[in-house]
Amino acid sequence: MEADYSKADLRPADRQMLDYAAKLTRAPGDMAEADIAQLRDIGFSDRAILDIAQVVAYYAYVNRIADGLGVSLERYWTEGREDYE
């Protein structure tokens, strides 16, 4: 799942949440009310949807700040996690 969540055995709600997060990350201008409706239809409350959107937005923000400042990844991410487990 770490490399491609779409190949993982996930509950429908988890898959829908990750599909929403991926779309918000890759194509934020394409988001529509239908994307939120799909989350509601599968059982997410408006508060949960807000939480999902805020977490996705936070990670996008932090990554853009780091990229904009030329911050390097820690060794953990570049050399393989197995060295740190």
PDB file of N, CA and C in Angstrom:
ATOM      1  N   MET A   1       0.826  -1.185   0.000  1.00  0.00           N
ATOM      2  CA  MET A   1       0.000   0.000   0.000  1.00  0.00           C
ATOM      3  C   MET A   1       0.871   1.249   0.000  1.00  0.00           C
ATOM      4  N   GLU A   2       2.040   1.140   0.528  1.00  0.00           N
ATOM      5  CA  GLU A   2       2.918   2.297   0.632  1.00  0.00           C
ATOM      6  C   GLU A   2       3.218   2.919  -0.727  1.00  0.00           C
ATOM      7  N   ALA A   3       3.363   2.102  -1.745  1.00  0.00           N
ATOM      8  CA  ALA A   3       3.708   2.607  -3.070  1.00  0.00           C
ATOM      9  C   ALA A   3       2.475   2.944  -3.915  1.00  0.00           C
ATOM     10  N   ASP A   4       1.395   2.178  -3.760  1.00  0.00           N
ATOM     11  CA  ASP A   4       0.199   2.402  -4.582  1.00  0.00           C
ATOM     12  C   ASP A   4      -1.026   1.869  -3.849  1.00  0.00           C
ATOM     13  N   TYR A   5      -1.728   2.759  -3.188  1.00  0.00           N
ATOM     14  CA  TYR A   5      -2.885   2.350  -2.397  1.00  0.00           C
ATOM     15  C   TYR A   5      -3.960   1.676  -3.245  1.00  0.00           C
ATOM     16  N   SER A   6      -4.018   1.996  -4.530  1.00  0.00           N
ATOM     17  CA  SER A   6      -5.092   1.458  -5.366  1.00  0.00           C
ATOM     18  C   SER A   6      -4.982  -0.053  -5.557  1.00  0.00           C
ATOM     19  N   LYS A   7      -3.840  -0.615  -5.223  1.00  0.00           N
ATOM     20  CA  LYS A   7      -3.657  -2.064  -5.344  1.00  0.00           C
ATOM     21  C   LYS A   7      -3.856  -2.786  -4.013  1.00  0.00           C
ATOM     22  N   ALA A   8      -4.113  -2.034  -2.955  1.00  0.00           N
ATOM     23  CA  ALA A   8      -4.279  -2.617  -1.626  1.00  0.00           C
ATOM     24  C   ALA A   8      -5.717  -3.095  -1.408  1.00  0.00           C
ATOM     25  N   ASP A   9      -5.857  -4.044  -0.515  1.00  0.00           N
ATOM     26  CA  ASP A   9      -7.170  -4.553  -0.137  1.00  0.00           C
ATOM     27  C   ASP A   9      -7.739  -3.638   0.945  1.00  0.00           C
ATOM     28  N   LEU A  10      -8.527  -2.657   0.521  1.00  0.00           N
ATOM     29  CA  LEU A  10      -9.049  -1.638   1.428  1.00  0.00           C
ATOM     30  C   LEU A  10     -10.563  -1.720   1.527  1.00  0.00           C
ATOM     31  N   ARG A  11     -11.065  -1.248   2.652  1.00  0.00           N
ATOM     32  CA  ARG A  11     -12.513  -1.087   2.775  1.00  0.00           C
ATOM     33  C   ARG A  11     -12.950   0.008   1.799  1.00  0.00           C
ATOM     34  N   PRO A  12     -14.173  -0.062   1.297  1.00  0.00           N
ATOM     35  CA  PRO A  12     -14.641   0.961   0.345  1.00  0.00           C
ATOM     36  C   PRO A  12     -14.493   2.393   0.862  1.00  0.00           C
ATOM     37  N   ALA A  13     -14.772   2.613   2.133  1.00  0.00           N
ATOM     38  CA  ALA A  13     -14.658   3.973   2.678  1.00  0.00           C
ATOM     39  C   ALA A  13     -13.203   4.451   2.650  1.00  0.00           C
ATOM     40  N   ASP A  14     -12.274   3.558   2.981  1.00  0.00           N
ATOM     41  CA  ASP A  14     -10.861   3.937   2.948  1.00  0.00           C
ATOM     42  C   ASP A  14     -10.405   4.247   1.528  1.00  0.00           C
ATOM     43  N   ARG A  15     -10.850   3.446   0.581  1.00  0.00           N
ATOM     44  CA  ARG A  15     -10.480   3.687  -0.818  1.00  0.00           C
ATOM     45  C   ARG A  15     -11.053   5.021  -1.299  1.00  0.00           C
ATOM     46  N   GLN A  16     -12.301   5.305  -0.950  1.00  0.00           N
ATOM     47  CA  GLN A  16     -12.928   6.564  -1.372  1.00  0.00           C
ATOM     48  C   GLN A  16     -12.181   7.753  -0.772  1.00  0.00           C
ATOM     49  N   MET A  17     -11.798   7.631   0.504  1.00  0.00           N
ATOM     50  CA  MET A  17     -11.054   8.704   1.156  1.00  0.00           C
ATOM     51  C   MET A  17      -9.717   8.925   0.449  1.00  0.00           C
ATOM     52  N   LEU A  18      -9.020   7.861   0.120  1.00  0.00           N
ATOM     53  CA  LEU A  18      -7.720   7.997  -0.541  1.00  0.00           C
ATOM     54  C   LEU A  18      -7.870   8.504  -1.975  1.00  0.00           C
ATOM     55  N   ASP A  19      -8.935   8.104  -2.658  1.00  0.00           N
ATOM     56  CA  ASP A  19      -9.197   8.650  -3.996  1.00  0.00           C
ATOM     57  C   ASP A  19      -9.406  10.170  -3.915  1.00  0.00           C
ATOM     58  N   TYR A  20     -10.159  10.606  -2.917  1.00  0.00           N
ATOM     59  CA  TYR A  20     -10.393  12.038  -2.703  1.00  0.00           C
ATOM     60  C   TYR A  20      -9.069  12.747  -2.424  1.00  0.00           C
ATOM     61  N   ALA A  21      -8.265  12.184  -1.523  1.00  0.00           N
ATOM     62  CA  ALA A  21      -6.982  12.790  -1.166  1.00  0.00           C
ATOM     63  C   ALA A  21      -6.049  12.862  -2.372  1.00  0.00           C
ATOM     64  N   ALA A  22      -6.016  11.813  -3.161  1.00  0.00           N
ATOM     65  CA  ALA A  22      -5.155  11.804  -4.351  1.00  0.00           C
ATOM     66  C   ALA A  22      -5.604  12.871  -5.352  1.00  0.00           C
ATOM     67  N   LYS A  23      -6.903  12.980  -5.572  1.00  0.00           N
ATOM     68  CA  LYS A  23      -7.399  13.988  -6.516  1.00  0.00           C
ATOM     69  C   LYS A  23      -7.119  15.394  -5.996  1.00  0.00           C
ATOM     70  N   LEU A  24      -7.350  15.619  -4.705  1.00  0.00           N
ATOM     71  CA  LEU A  24      -7.099  16.940  -4.133  1.00  0.00           C
ATOM     72  C   LEU A  24      -5.620  17.304  -4.237  1.00  0.00           C
ATOM     73  N   THR A  25      -4.759  16.325  -4.131  1.00  0.00           N
ATOM     74  CA  THR A  25      -3.316  16.543  -4.237  1.00  0.00           C
ATOM     75  C   THR A  25      -2.889  16.809  -5.677  1.00  0.00           C
ATOM     76  N   ARG A  26      -3.375  15.995  -6.602  1.00  0.00           N
ATOM     77  CA  ARG A  26      -2.907  16.053  -7.992  1.00  0.00           C
ATOM     78  C   ARG A  26      -3.640  17.066  -8.864  1.00  0.00           C
ATOM     79  N   ALA A  27      -4.917  17.295  -8.563  1.00  0.00           N
ATOM     80  CA  ALA A  27      -5.722  18.166  -9.431  1.00  0.00           C
ATOM     81  C   ALA A  27      -6.707  18.981  -8.593  1.00  0.00           C
ATOM     82  N   PRO A  28      -6.219  19.841  -7.713  1.00  0.00           N
ATOM     83  CA  PRO A  28      -7.126  20.562  -6.825  1.00  0.00           C
ATOM     84  C   PRO A  28      -8.157  21.416  -7.561  1.00  0.00           C
ATOM     85  N   GLY A  29      -7.822  21.906  -8.712  1.00  0.00           N
ATOM     86  CA  GLY A  29      -8.762  22.721  -9.485  1.00  0.00           C
ATOM     87  C   GLY A  29      -9.911  21.927 -10.067  1.00  0.00           C
ATOM     88  N   ASP A  30      -9.784  20.613 -10.076  1.00  0.00           N
ATOM     89  CA  ASP A  30     -10.836  19.750 -10.611  1.00  0.00           C
ATOM     90  C   ASP A  30     -11.819  19.262  -9.549  1.00  0.00           C
ATOM     91  N   MET A  31     -11.589  19.635  -8.298  1.00  0.00           N
ATOM     92  CA  MET A  31     -12.484  19.184  -7.233  1.00  0.00           C
ATOM     93  C   MET A  31     -13.872  19.779  -7.444  1.00  0.00           C
ATOM     94  N   ALA A  32     -14.886  18.968  -7.126  1.00  0.00           N
ATOM     95  CA  ALA A  32     -16.270  19.395  -7.323  1.00  0.00           C
ATOM     96  C   ALA A  32     -17.126  18.886  -6.167  1.00  0.00           C
ATOM     97  N   GLU A  33     -18.318  19.421  -6.072  1.00  0.00           N
ATOM     98  CA  GLU A  33     -19.259  18.984  -5.043  1.00  0.00           C
ATOM     99  C   GLU A  33     -19.470  17.472  -5.096  1.00  0.00           C
ATOM    100  N   ALA A  34     -19.404  16.898  -6.280  1.00  0.00           N
ATOM    101  CA  ALA A  34     -19.587  15.448  -6.423  1.00  0.00           C
ATOM    102  C   ALA A  34     -18.536  14.665  -5.638  1.00  0.00           C
ATOM    103  N   ASP A  35     -17.332  15.203  -5.526  1.00  0.00           N
ATOM    104  CA  ASP A  35     -16.282  14.524  -4.761  1.00  0.00           C
ATOM    105  C   ASP A  35     -16.654  14.451  -3.282  1.00  0.00           C
ATOM    106  N   ILE A  36     -17.217  15.517  -2.774  1.00  0.00           N
ATOM    107  CA  ILE A  36     -17.655  15.553  -1.380  1.00  0.00           C
ATOM    108  C   ILE A  36     -18.883  14.663  -1.195  1.00  0.00           C
ATOM    109  N   ALA A  37     -19.775  14.692  -2.161  1.00  0.00           N
ATOM    110  CA  ALA A  37     -20.980  13.861  -2.087  1.00  0.00           C
ATOM    111  C   ALA A  37     -20.617  12.382  -2.017  1.00  0.00           C
ATOM    112  N   GLN A  38     -19.590  11.971  -2.740  1.00  0.00           N
ATOM    113  CA  GLN A  38     -19.165  10.566  -2.696  1.00  0.00           C
ATOM    114  C   GLN A  38     -18.688  10.177  -1.304  1.00  0.00           C
ATOM    115  N   LEU A  39     -18.001  11.088  -0.638  1.00  0.00           N
ATOM    116  CA  LEU A  39     -17.562  10.810   0.731  1.00  0.00           C
ATOM    117  C   LEU A  39     -18.755  10.731   1.680  1.00  0.00           C
ATOM    118  N   ARG A  40     -19.685  11.647   1.519  1.00  0.00           N
ATOM    119  CA  ARG A  40     -20.894  11.614   2.362  1.00  0.00           C
ATOM    120  C   ARG A  40     -21.680  10.328   2.127  1.00  0.00           C
ATOM    121  N   ASP A  41     -21.809   9.952   0.859  1.00  0.00           N
ATOM    122  CA  ASP A  41     -22.592   8.766   0.508  1.00  0.00           C
ATOM    123  C   ASP A  41     -22.019   7.488   1.118  1.00  0.00           C
ATOM    124  N   ILE A  42     -20.721   7.452   1.318  1.00  0.00           N
ATOM    125  CA  ILE A  42     -20.100   6.251   1.863  1.00  0.00           C
ATOM    126  C   ILE A  42     -20.012   6.294   3.389  1.00  0.00           C
ATOM    127  N   GLY A  43     -20.463   7.429   3.984  1.00  0.00           N
ATOM    128  CA  GLY A  43     -20.589   7.473   5.429  1.00  0.00           C
ATOM    129  C   GLY A  43     -19.756   8.504   6.169  1.00  0.00           C
ATOM    130  N   PHE A  44     -18.979   9.303   5.469  1.00  0.00           N
ATOM    131  CA  PHE A  44     -18.185  10.327   6.145  1.00  0.00           C
ATOM    132  C   PHE A  44     -19.057  11.520   6.522  1.00  0.00           C
ATOM    133  N   SER A  45     -18.877  11.997   7.735  1.00  0.00           N
ATOM    134  CA  SER A  45     -19.582  13.200   8.184  1.00  0.00           C
ATOM    135  C   SER A  45     -18.884  14.427   7.595  1.00  0.00           C
ATOM    136  N   ASP A  46     -19.562  15.558   7.666  1.00  0.00           N
ATOM    137  CA  ASP A  46     -18.938  16.788   7.187  1.00  0.00           C
ATOM    138  C   ASP A  46     -17.669  17.098   7.976  1.00  0.00           C
ATOM    139  N   ARG A  47     -17.672  16.823   9.277  1.00  0.00           N
ATOM    140  CA  ARG A  47     -16.477  17.044  10.100  1.00  0.00           C
ATOM    141  C   ARG A  47     -15.324  16.154   9.638  1.00  0.00           C
ATOM    142  N   ALA A  48     -15.616  14.894   9.333  1.00  0.00           N
ATOM    143  CA  ALA A  48     -14.581  13.974   8.863  1.00  0.00           C
ATOM    144  C   ALA A  48     -14.030  14.435   7.511  1.00  0.00           C
ATOM    145  N   ILE A  49     -14.894  14.918   6.647  1.00  0.00           N
ATOM    146  CA  ILE A  49     -14.462  15.418   5.341  1.00  0.00           C
ATOM    147  C   ILE A  49     -13.564  16.640   5.521  1.00  0.00           C
ATOM    148  N   LEU A  50     -13.934  17.507   6.432  1.00  0.00           N
ATOM    149  CA  LEU A  50     -13.091  18.663   6.738  1.00  0.00           C
ATOM    150  C   LEU A  50     -11.719  18.209   7.238  1.00  0.00           C
ATOM    151  N   ASP A  51     -11.705  17.230   8.129  1.00  0.00           N
ATOM    152  CA  ASP A  51     -10.432  16.705   8.640  1.00  0.00           C
ATOM    153  C   ASP A  51      -9.575  16.143   7.511  1.00  0.00           C
ATOM    154  N   ILE A  52     -10.181  15.381   6.612  1.00  0.00           N
ATOM    155  CA  ILE A  52      -9.447  14.806   5.479  1.00  0.00           C
ATOM    156  C   ILE A  52      -8.846  15.922   4.629  1.00  0.00           C
ATOM    157  N   ALA A  53      -9.662  16.901   4.284  1.00  0.00           N
ATOM    158  CA  ALA A  53      -9.191  18.008   3.443  1.00  0.00           C
ATOM    159  C   ALA A  53      -8.073  18.783   4.131  1.00  0.00           C
ATOM    160  N   GLN A  54      -8.194  19.000   5.435  1.00  0.00           N
ATOM    161  CA  GLN A  54      -7.163  19.745   6.149  1.00  0.00           C
ATOM    162  C   GLN A  54      -5.841  18.982   6.215  1.00  0.00           C
ATOM    163  N   VAL A  55      -5.893  17.691   6.424  1.00  0.00           N
ATOM    164  CA  VAL A  55      -4.657  16.896   6.457  1.00  0.00           C
ATOM    165  C   VAL A  55      -3.985  16.901   5.088  1.00  0.00           C
ATOM    166  N   VAL A  56      -4.763  16.700   4.035  1.00  0.00           N
ATOM    167  CA  VAL A  56      -4.207  16.722   2.674  1.00  0.00           C
ATOM    168  C   VAL A  56      -3.599  18.093   2.382  1.00  0.00           C
ATOM    169  N   ALA A  57      -4.320  19.149   2.726  1.00  0.00           N
ATOM    170  CA  ALA A  57      -3.832  20.508   2.468  1.00  0.00           C
ATOM    171  C   ALA A  57      -2.570  20.803   3.268  1.00  0.00           C
ATOM    172  N   TYR A  58      -2.517  20.336   4.502  1.00  0.00           N
ATOM    173  CA  TYR A  58      -1.337  20.567   5.338  1.00  0.00           C
ATOM    174  C   TYR A  58      -0.094  19.925   4.717  1.00  0.00           C
ATOM    175  N   TYR A  59      -0.224  18.682   4.287  1.00  0.00           N
ATOM    176  CA  TYR A  59       0.923  18.008   3.674  1.00  0.00           C
ATOM    177  C   TYR A  59       1.338  18.694   2.376  1.00  0.00           C
ATOM    178  N   ALA A  60       0.385  19.155   1.592  1.00  0.00           N
ATOM    179  CA  ALA A  60       0.722  19.881   0.365  1.00  0.00           C
ATOM    180  C   ALA A  60       1.467  21.169   0.708  1.00  0.00           C
ATOM    181  N   TYR A  61       0.987  21.866   1.713  1.00  0.00           N
ATOM    182  CA  TYR A  61       1.620  23.115   2.150  1.00  0.00           C
ATOM    183  C   TYR A  61       3.059  22.873   2.608  1.00  0.00           C
ATOM    184  N   VAL A  62       3.233  21.912   3.498  1.00  0.00           N
ATOM    185  CA  VAL A  62       4.566  21.631   4.037  1.00  0.00           C
ATOM    186  C   VAL A  62       5.530  21.212   2.924  1.00  0.00           C
ATOM    187  N   ASN A  63       5.061  20.389   2.007  1.00  0.00           N
ATOM    188  CA  ASN A  63       5.924  19.956   0.906  1.00  0.00           C
ATOM    189  C   ASN A  63       6.306  21.120   0.002  1.00  0.00           C
ATOM    190  N   ARG A  64       5.396  22.029  -0.251  1.00  0.00           N
ATOM    191  CA  ARG A  64       5.723  23.181  -1.096  1.00  0.00           C
ATOM    192  C   ARG A  64       6.697  24.123  -0.404  1.00  0.00           C
ATOM    193  N   ILE A  65       6.544  24.308   0.892  1.00  0.00           N
ATOM    194  CA  ILE A  65       7.497  25.129   1.639  1.00  0.00           C
ATOM    195  C   ILE A  65       8.885  24.479   1.569  1.00  0.00           C
ATOM    196  N   ALA A  66       8.945  23.184   1.849  1.00  0.00           N
ATOM    197  CA  ALA A  66      10.229  22.477   1.819  1.00  0.00           C
ATOM    198  C   ALA A  66      10.846  22.538   0.427  1.00  0.00           C
ATOM    199  N   ASP A  67      10.048  22.291  -0.601  1.00  0.00           N
ATOM    200  CA  ASP A  67      10.568  22.355  -1.975  1.00  0.00           C
ATOM    201  C   ASP A  67      11.032  23.763  -2.311  1.00  0.00           C
ATOM    202  N   GLY A  68      10.258  24.749  -1.907  1.00  0.00           N
ATOM    203  CA  GLY A  68      10.591  26.142  -2.203  1.00  0.00           C
ATOM    204  C   GLY A  68      11.847  26.626  -1.510  1.00  0.00           C
ATOM    205  N   LEU A  69      12.175  26.006  -0.397  1.00  0.00           N
ATOM    206  CA  LEU A  69      13.370  26.387   0.345  1.00  0.00           C
ATOM    207  C   LEU A  69      14.548  25.447   0.091  1.00  0.00           C
ATOM    208  N   GLY A  70      14.329  24.461  -0.767  1.00  0.00           N
ATOM    209  CA  GLY A  70      15.405  23.528  -1.087  1.00  0.00           C
ATOM    210  C   GLY A  70      15.776  22.599   0.054  1.00  0.00           C
ATOM    211  N   VAL A  71      14.813  22.306   0.915  1.00  0.00           N
ATOM    212  CA  VAL A  71      15.073  21.416   2.045  1.00  0.00           C
ATOM    213  C   VAL A  71      15.261  19.996   1.527  1.00  0.00           C
ATOM    214  N   SER A  72      16.326  19.361   1.961  1.00  0.00           N
ATOM    215  CA  SER A  72      16.616  17.980   1.559  1.00  0.00           C
ATOM    216  C   SER A  72      15.851  17.004   2.434  1.00  0.00           C
ATOM    217  N   LEU A  73      15.544  15.860   1.857  1.00  0.00           N
ATOM    218  CA  LEU A  73      14.904  14.805   2.630  1.00  0.00           C
ATOM    219  C   LEU A  73      15.884  14.233   3.642  1.00  0.00           C
ATOM    220  N   GLU A  74      15.353  13.750   4.745  1.00  0.00           N
ATOM    221  CA  GLU A  74      16.188  13.085   5.728  1.00  0.00           C
ATOM    222  C   GLU A  74      16.653  11.743   5.163  1.00  0.00           C
ATOM    223  N   ARG A  75      17.731  11.229   5.683  1.00  0.00           N
ATOM    224  CA  ARG A  75      18.270   9.948   5.202  1.00  0.00           C
ATOM    225  C   ARG A  75      17.229   8.844   5.243  1.00  0.00           C
ATOM    226  N   TYR A  76      16.350   8.882   6.203  1.00  0.00           N
ATOM    227  CA  TYR A  76      15.294   7.884   6.338  1.00  0.00           C
ATOM    228  C   TYR A  76      14.544   7.693   5.021  1.00  0.00           C
ATOM    229  N   TRP A  77      14.286   8.766   4.307  1.00  0.00           N
ATOM    230  CA  TRP A  77      13.497   8.707   3.071  1.00  0.00           C
ATOM    231  C   TRP A  77      14.339   8.399   1.850  1.00  0.00           C
ATOM    232  N   THR A  78      15.600   8.757   1.862  1.00  0.00           N
ATOM    233  CA  THR A  78      16.422   8.598   0.667  1.00  0.00           C
ATOM    234  C   THR A  78      17.235   7.310   0.631  1.00  0.00           C
ATOM    235  N   GLU A  79      17.534   6.732   1.800  1.00  0.00           N
ATOM    236  CA  GLU A  79      18.373   5.546   1.840  1.00  0.00           C
ATOM    237  C   GLU A  79      17.607   4.273   2.096  1.00  0.00           C
ATOM    238  N   GLY A  80      16.340   4.359   2.312  1.00  0.00           N
ATOM    239  CA  GLY A  80      15.538   3.169   2.567  1.00  0.00           C
ATOM    240  C   GLY A  80      15.224   3.017   4.028  1.00  0.00           C
ATOM    241  N   ARG A  81      13.968   2.765   4.295  1.00  0.00           N
ATOM    242  CA  ARG A  81      13.512   2.685   5.676  1.00  0.00           C
ATOM    243  C   ARG A  81      14.005   1.451   6.395  1.00  0.00           C
ATOM    244  N   GLU A  82      14.338   0.400   5.658  1.00  0.00           N
ATOM    245  CA  GLU A  82      14.766  -0.829   6.319  1.00  0.00           C
ATOM    246  C   GLU A  82      15.999  -0.598   7.197  1.00  0.00           C
ATOM    247  N   ASP A  83      16.792   0.425   6.888  1.00  0.00           N
ATOM    248  CA  ASP A  83      17.963   0.746   7.698  1.00  0.00           C
ATOM    249  C   ASP A  83      17.583   1.319   9.061  1.00  0.00           C
ATOM    250  N   TYR A  84      16.327   1.729   9.210  1.00  0.00           N
ATOM    251  CA  TYR A  84      15.903   2.414  10.432  1.00  0.00           C
ATOM    252  C   TYR A  84      14.864   1.629  11.208  1.00  0.00           C
ATOM    253  N   GLU A  85      14.578   0.439  10.773  1.00  0.00           N
ATOM    254  CA  GLU A  85      13.542  -0.370  11.453  1.00  0.00           C
ATOM    255  C   GLU A  85      14.162  -1.285  12.486  1.00  0.00           C
TER     256      GLU A  85
END
